[in-house]
C-alpha atoms as a PDB file:
ATOM      1  CA  MET A   1     -15.425  69.667 -37.698  1.00  0.00           C
ATOM      2  CA  ALA A   2     -16.426  66.319 -39.140  1.00  0.00           C
ATOM      3  CA  GLY A   3     -19.728  64.559 -38.478  1.00  0.00           C
ATOM      4  CA  ASN A   4     -20.696  64.288 -34.826  1.00  0.00           C
ATOM      5  CA  ASN A   5     -17.248  65.125 -33.503  1.00  0.00           C
ATOM      6  CA  ARG A   6     -17.064  67.325 -30.412  1.00  0.00           C
ATOM      7  CA  ARG A   7     -14.849  70.309 -29.671  1.00  0.00           C
ATOM      8  CA  PHE A   8     -13.402  71.202 -26.283  1.00  0.00           C
ATOM      9  CA  CYS A   9     -11.611  74.433 -25.420  1.00  0.00           C
ATOM     10  CA  LEU A  10      -9.472  74.424 -22.284  1.00  0.00           C
ATOM     11  CA  ALA A  11      -7.385  77.118 -20.625  1.00  0.00           C
ATOM     12  CA  LEU A  12      -4.366  76.801 -18.369  1.00  0.00           C
ATOM     13  CA  ASP A  13      -2.189  79.470 -16.820  1.00  0.00           C
ATOM     14  CA  LEU A  14       1.530  78.901 -16.567  1.00  0.00           C
ATOM     15  CA  LYS A  15       3.327  80.533 -13.678  1.00  0.00           C
ATOM     16  CA  ASP A  16       4.324  83.985 -14.890  1.00  0.00           C
ATOM     17  CA  ASP A  17       8.036  83.213 -15.035  1.00  0.00           C
ATOM     18  CA  PRO A  18       9.778  83.499 -18.432  1.00  0.00           C
ATOM     19  CA  ALA A  19      12.309  80.770 -17.596  1.00  0.00           C
ATOM     20  CA  LEU A  20       9.565  78.315 -16.603  1.00  0.00           C
ATOM     21  CA  ILE A  21       7.535  79.190 -19.702  1.00  0.00           C
ATOM     22  CA  ASP A  22      10.579  78.585 -21.913  1.00  0.00           C
ATOM     23  CA  ALA A  23      11.159  75.233 -20.183  1.00  0.00           C
ATOM     24  CA  TYR A  24       7.500  74.290 -20.641  1.00  0.00           C
ATOM     25  CA  GLN A  25       7.627  75.098 -24.351  1.00  0.00           C
ATOM     26  CA  ALA A  26      10.897  73.198 -24.820  1.00  0.00           C
ATOM     27  CA  HIS A  27       9.385  70.180 -23.055  1.00  0.00           C
ATOM     28  CA  HIS A  28       6.430  70.163 -25.475  1.00  0.00           C
ATOM     29  CA  ARG A  29       8.320  70.745 -28.753  1.00  0.00           C
ATOM     30  CA  ASN A  30       9.104  67.076 -29.356  1.00  0.00           C
ATOM     31  CA  VAL A  31       6.115  65.022 -28.336  1.00  0.00           C
ATOM     32  CA  TRP A  32       6.945  61.390 -27.606  1.00  0.00           C
ATOM     33  CA  PRO A  33       5.453  58.896 -30.111  1.00  0.00           C
ATOM     34  CA  GLU A  34       3.792  57.046 -27.208  1.00  0.00           C
ATOM     35  CA  VAL A  35       1.978  60.234 -26.189  1.00  0.00           C
ATOM     36  CA  LEU A  36       0.773  60.859 -29.748  1.00  0.00           C
ATOM     37  CA  LYS A  37      -0.427  57.253 -29.962  1.00  0.00           C
ATOM     38  CA  SER A  38      -2.279  57.600 -26.650  1.00  0.00           C
ATOM     39  CA  ILE A  39      -3.920  60.830 -27.816  1.00  0.00           C
ATOM     40  CA  HIS A  40      -5.172  59.254 -31.033  1.00  0.00           C
ATOM     41  CA  GLU A  41      -6.275  56.020 -29.342  1.00  0.00           C
ATOM     42  CA  ALA A  42      -8.357  58.067 -26.880  1.00  0.00           C
ATOM     43  CA  GLY A  43     -10.372  59.510 -29.758  1.00  0.00           C
ATOM     44  CA  ILE A  44      -8.689  62.891 -30.023  1.00  0.00           C
ATOM     45  CA  VAL A  45      -8.778  63.754 -33.716  1.00  0.00           C
ATOM     46  CA  GLU A  46      -6.990  67.092 -33.560  1.00  0.00           C
ATOM     47  CA  MET A  47      -5.325  69.142 -30.842  1.00  0.00           C
ATOM     48  CA  ASP A  48      -3.944  72.662 -31.051  1.00  0.00           C
ATOM     49  CA  ILE A  49      -2.341  74.674 -28.250  1.00  0.00           C
ATOM     50  CA  TYR A  50      -1.977  78.451 -28.371  1.00  0.00           C
ATOM     51  CA  ARG A  51      -0.177  80.727 -25.906  1.00  0.00           C
ATOM     52  CA  VAL A  52      -0.929  84.349 -25.028  1.00  0.00           C
ATOM     53  CA  GLU A  53       1.644  85.539 -22.501  1.00  0.00           C
ATOM     54  CA  ASN A  54       1.391  82.908 -19.737  1.00  0.00           C
ATOM     55  CA  ARG A  55      -2.082  81.595 -20.675  1.00  0.00           C
ATOM     56  CA  LEU A  56      -2.447  78.457 -22.775  1.00  0.00           C
ATOM     57  CA  PHE A  57      -5.527  77.541 -24.782  1.00  0.00           C
ATOM     58  CA  MET A  58      -6.010  73.968 -25.974  1.00  0.00           C
ATOM     59  CA  ILE A  59      -8.598  73.268 -28.643  1.00  0.00           C
ATOM     60  CA  MET A  60      -9.398  69.599 -29.136  1.00  0.00           C
ATOM     61  CA  GLU A  61     -11.610  67.928 -31.692  1.00  0.00           C
ATOM     62  CA  THR A  62     -12.678  64.492 -30.514  1.00  0.00           C
ATOM     63  CA  GLU A  63     -14.712  61.552 -31.671  1.00  0.00           C
ATOM     64  CA  PRO A  64     -18.263  61.468 -30.235  1.00  0.00           C
ATOM     65  CA  GLY A  65     -17.388  58.853 -27.584  1.00  0.00           C
ATOM     66  CA  PHE A  66     -14.371  60.681 -26.146  1.00  0.00           C
ATOM     67  CA  SER A  67     -14.259  60.885 -22.344  1.00  0.00           C
ATOM     68  CA  PHE A  68     -11.826  62.903 -20.218  1.00  0.00           C
ATOM     69  CA  GLU A  69     -12.430  60.422 -17.394  1.00  0.00           C
ATOM     70  CA  LYS A  70     -11.553  57.398 -19.551  1.00  0.00           C
ATOM     71  CA  LYS A  71      -8.470  59.153 -20.940  1.00  0.00           C
ATOM     72  CA  ALA A  72      -7.305  59.976 -17.404  1.00  0.00           C
ATOM     73  CA  GLN A  73      -7.941  56.407 -16.279  1.00  0.00           C
ATOM     74  CA  ASP A  74      -5.997  55.016 -19.261  1.00  0.00           C
ATOM     75  CA  ASP A  75      -3.115  57.363 -18.453  1.00  0.00           C
ATOM     76  CA  LEU A  76      -2.827  56.180 -14.834  1.00  0.00           C
ATOM     77  CA  SER A  77      -0.799  53.161 -15.882  1.00  0.00           C
ATOM     78  CA  ALA A  78       1.407  55.119 -18.288  1.00  0.00           C
ATOM     79  CA  LEU A  79       4.178  57.605 -17.699  1.00  0.00           C
ATOM     80  CA  ASP A  80       2.643  61.081 -17.638  1.00  0.00           C
ATOM     81  CA  PRO A  81       4.948  63.491 -19.517  1.00  0.00           C
ATOM     82  CA  HIS A  82       3.011  66.438 -18.074  1.00  0.00           C
ATOM     83  CA  GLN A  83       3.838  65.431 -14.513  1.00  0.00           C
ATOM     84  CA  ALA A  84       7.303  66.931 -14.865  1.00  0.00           C
ATOM     85  CA  SER A  85       5.835  70.219 -16.056  1.00  0.00           C
ATOM     86  CA  SER A  86       2.969  70.488 -13.544  1.00  0.00           C
ATOM     87  CA  SER A  87       5.077  72.688 -11.253  1.00  0.00           C
ATOM     88  CA  ARG A  88       4.811  75.397 -13.930  1.00  0.00           C
ATOM     89  CA  HIS A  89       0.974  75.457 -13.934  1.00  0.00           C
ATOM     90  CA  GLU A  90      -1.429  77.496 -11.849  1.00  0.00           C
ATOM     91  CA  GLN A  91      -5.222  77.774 -11.733  1.00  0.00           C
ATOM     92  CA  THR A  92      -6.953  80.113 -14.143  1.00  0.00           C
ATOM     93  CA  PRO A  93      -8.835  83.048 -12.526  1.00  0.00           C
ATOM     94  CA  SER A  94     -12.136  81.136 -12.817  1.00  0.00           C
ATOM     95  CA  GLY A  95     -10.720  78.628 -10.345  1.00  0.00           C
ATOM     96  CA  GLY A  96     -11.050  75.666 -12.711  1.00  0.00           C
ATOM     97  CA  ASP A  97      -8.468  72.930 -12.677  1.00  0.00           C
ATOM     98  CA  THR A  98      -8.202  72.769 -16.441  1.00  0.00           C
END
């Protein structure tokens, strides 16, 4: 991790349905250029997503000034590609939304 960058680790459970998981993965194979641009403009330096069964882990390296709140606010006016896949998500056992 470079300099003062920050690292965030997030977990998300997909509904335990193989067809929905396949659809989720297919949806995320070809990320739209606009989404990649938005990610980089928000200060996200690197993002990796790993899957174990129906649980996803996202590891993000961000610039020091990155803010989830600002990123969410910036995304309000843009098409959210995750909106179409949100029906495949469920809360993790800890009860967190992310």
